Every structure is written in structure tokens, then in C-alpha cells.
């Protein structure tokens, strides 16, 4: 075997091993990104549930005070006449 062919064969083998290793690490990184995105999605879902559970009582209080204000205005108008 000619020295040039030997160097070329060894170089191709080394490059193949390096590319295979990079591919394996890339697959591992993509799996970690997938796990991270799914956990982030769960956190966002929980945040939406918490926000909805807080918004419901706040809107109820707002409606209560709006009704109370309307009632006071009605009584005020009734007694002012």
C-alpha cells in the first residue's frame, strides 16, 4: 500500500469516527432539549391554571363591588328625590 493511500485511509477513518461521535452527542443534546421543552410546557400549563384560579375570584369581587356601587347609587337616587 502506498504511503499516500495509507494516510488517506487513516484520515478518512478518523474523520468518520469524529463525525459519528458528533452525531451521537447531537442526538443526546436534542433529547435533552425535548425534555426541557416538555417540562417548560408543563410549567406553562400550571401557570395558566393558577392564573385562571386567581382571575375567577378577582372578577367575582369586581362584580360584587360593581353591584354594590350600583345599589348605593340607586338608594342615593331614591332618597335624594
C-alpha atoms as a PDB file:
ATOM      1  CA  UNK A   1       0.000   0.000   0.000  1.00  0.00           C
ATOM      2  CA  UNK A   2       1.309   3.390  -0.977  1.00  0.00           C
ATOM      3  CA  UNK A   3       2.010   5.850   1.917  1.00  0.00           C
ATOM      4  CA  UNK A   4      -0.426   8.336   0.415  1.00  0.00           C
ATOM      5  CA  UNK A   5      -3.208   5.760   0.395  1.00  0.00           C
ATOM      6  CA  UNK A   6      -2.385   4.774   3.967  1.00  0.00           C
ATOM      7  CA  UNK A   7      -2.537   8.386   5.196  1.00  0.00           C
ATOM      8  CA  UNK A   8      -5.757   8.944   3.269  1.00  0.00           C
ATOM      9  CA  UNK A   9      -7.367   5.782   4.688  1.00  0.00           C
ATOM     10  CA  UNK A  10      -6.361   6.664   8.258  1.00  0.00           C
ATOM     11  CA  UNK A  11      -7.618  10.233   7.800  1.00  0.00           C
ATOM     12  CA  UNK A  12     -10.964   9.047   6.465  1.00  0.00           C
ATOM     13  CA  UNK A  13     -11.309   6.587   9.357  1.00  0.00           C
ATOM     14  CA  UNK A  14     -10.528   9.293  11.936  1.00  0.00           C
ATOM     15  CA  UNK A  15     -12.935  11.762  10.314  1.00  0.00           C
ATOM     16  CA  UNK A  16     -15.648   9.080  10.246  1.00  0.00           C
ATOM     17  CA  UNK A  17     -15.159   8.342  13.946  1.00  0.00           C
ATOM     18  CA  UNK A  18     -15.240  12.057  14.806  1.00  0.00           C
ATOM     19  CA  UNK A  19     -18.413  12.634  12.776  1.00  0.00           C
ATOM     20  CA  UNK A  20     -20.110   9.610  14.358  1.00  0.00           C
ATOM     21  CA  UNK A  21     -19.201  10.909  17.825  1.00  0.00           C
ATOM     22  CA  UNK A  22     -20.542  14.369  16.982  1.00  0.00           C
ATOM     23  CA  UNK A  23     -23.760  12.771  15.701  1.00  0.00           C
ATOM     24  CA  UNK A  24     -24.221  10.807  18.926  1.00  0.00           C
ATOM     25  CA  UNK A  25     -23.684  13.927  21.051  1.00  0.00           C
ATOM     26  CA  UNK A  26     -26.073  15.871  18.825  1.00  0.00           C
ATOM     27  CA  UNK A  27     -28.770  13.241  19.352  1.00  0.00           C
ATOM     28  CA  UNK A  28     -28.227  13.404  23.133  1.00  0.00           C
ATOM     29  CA  UNK A  29     -28.477  17.201  23.088  1.00  0.00           C
ATOM     30  CA  UNK A  30     -31.685  17.077  21.047  1.00  0.00           C
ATOM     31  CA  UNK A  31     -33.202  14.603  23.534  1.00  0.00           C
ATOM     32  CA  UNK A  32     -32.312  16.942  26.410  1.00  0.00           C
ATOM     33  CA  UNK A  33     -33.869  19.862  24.553  1.00  0.00           C
ATOM     34  CA  UNK A  34     -37.037  17.820  24.029  1.00  0.00           C
ATOM     35  CA  UNK A  35     -37.223  17.006  27.756  1.00  0.00           C
ATOM     36  CA  UNK A  36     -36.609  20.650  28.663  1.00  0.00           C
ATOM     37  CA  UNK A  37     -39.327  21.848  26.299  1.00  0.00           C
ATOM     38  CA  UNK A  38     -41.845  19.348  27.678  1.00  0.00           C
ATOM     39  CA  UNK A  39     -41.044  20.430  31.263  1.00  0.00           C
ATOM     40  CA  UNK A  40     -41.403  24.074  30.250  1.00  0.00           C
ATOM     41  CA  UNK A  41     -44.754  23.247  28.676  1.00  0.00           C
ATOM     42  CA  UNK A  42     -45.920  21.649  31.939  1.00  0.00           C
ATOM     43  CA  UNK A  43     -44.814  24.732  33.875  1.00  0.00           C
ATOM     44  CA  UNK A  44     -46.733  26.977  31.474  1.00  0.00           C
ATOM     45  CA  UNK A  45     -49.835  24.791  31.814  1.00  0.00           C
ATOM     46  CA  UNK A  46     -49.614  25.022  35.617  1.00  0.00           C
ATOM     47  CA  UNK A  47     -49.169  28.785  35.362  1.00  0.00           C
ATOM     48  CA  UNK A  48     -52.292  29.023  33.226  1.00  0.00           C
ATOM     49  CA  UNK A  49     -54.285  27.010  35.779  1.00  0.00           C
ATOM     50  CA  UNK A  50     -53.027  29.177  38.646  1.00  0.00           C
ATOM     51  CA  UNK A  51     -53.772  32.371  36.730  1.00  0.00           C
ATOM     52  CA  UNK A  52     -57.283  31.177  35.936  1.00  0.00           C
ATOM     53  CA  UNK A  53     -57.927  30.218  39.554  1.00  0.00           C
ATOM     54  CA  UNK A  54     -56.776  33.676  40.692  1.00  0.00           C
ATOM     55  CA  UNK A  55     -58.690  35.544  37.978  1.00  0.00           C
ATOM     56  CA  UNK A  56     -62.025  33.934  38.875  1.00  0.00           C
ATOM     57  CA  UNK A  57     -62.226  35.306  42.468  1.00  0.00           C
ATOM     58  CA  UNK A  58     -60.904  38.697  41.364  1.00  0.00           C
ATOM     59  CA  UNK A  59     -63.607  39.029  38.720  1.00  0.00           C
ATOM     60  CA  UNK A  60     -66.189  37.890  41.283  1.00  0.00           C
ATOM     61  CA  UNK A  61     -65.055  40.619  43.694  1.00  0.00           C
ATOM     62  CA  UNK A  62     -65.154  43.177  40.880  1.00  0.00           C
ATOM     63  CA  UNK A  63     -68.709  42.170  40.013  1.00  0.00           C
ATOM     64  CA  UNK A  64     -69.692  42.299  43.689  1.00  0.00           C
ATOM     65  CA  UNK A  65     -68.312  45.811  44.168  1.00  0.00           C
ATOM     66  CA  UNK A  66     -69.850  46.959  40.898  1.00  0.00           C
ATOM     67  CA  UNK A  67     -73.233  45.679  42.047  1.00  0.00           C
ATOM     68  CA  UNK A  68     -72.725  47.260  45.466  1.00  0.00           C
ATOM     69  CA  UNK A  69     -71.899  50.610  43.847  1.00  0.00           C
ATOM     70  CA  UNK A  70     -74.979  50.387  41.634  1.00  0.00           C
ATOM     71  CA  UNK A  71     -77.118  49.571  44.670  1.00  0.00           C
ATOM     72  CA  UNK A  72     -75.728  52.511  46.645  1.00  0.00           C
ATOM     73  CA  UNK A  73     -76.334  54.826  43.682  1.00  0.00           C
ATOM     74  CA  UNK A  74     -79.898  53.540  43.358  1.00  0.00           C
ATOM     75  CA  UNK A  75     -80.542  54.132  47.068  1.00  0.00           C
ATOM     76  CA  UNK A  76     -78.907  57.550  46.846  1.00  0.00           C
ATOM     77  CA  UNK A  77     -81.094  58.494  43.894  1.00  0.00           C
ATOM     78  CA  UNK A  78     -84.169  57.170  45.701  1.00  0.00           C
ATOM     79  CA  UNK A  79     -83.544  59.173  48.889  1.00  0.00           C
ATOM     80  CA  UNK A  80     -82.430  62.354  47.108  1.00  0.00           C
ATOM     81  CA  UNK A  81     -85.806  62.749  45.406  1.00  0.00           C
END
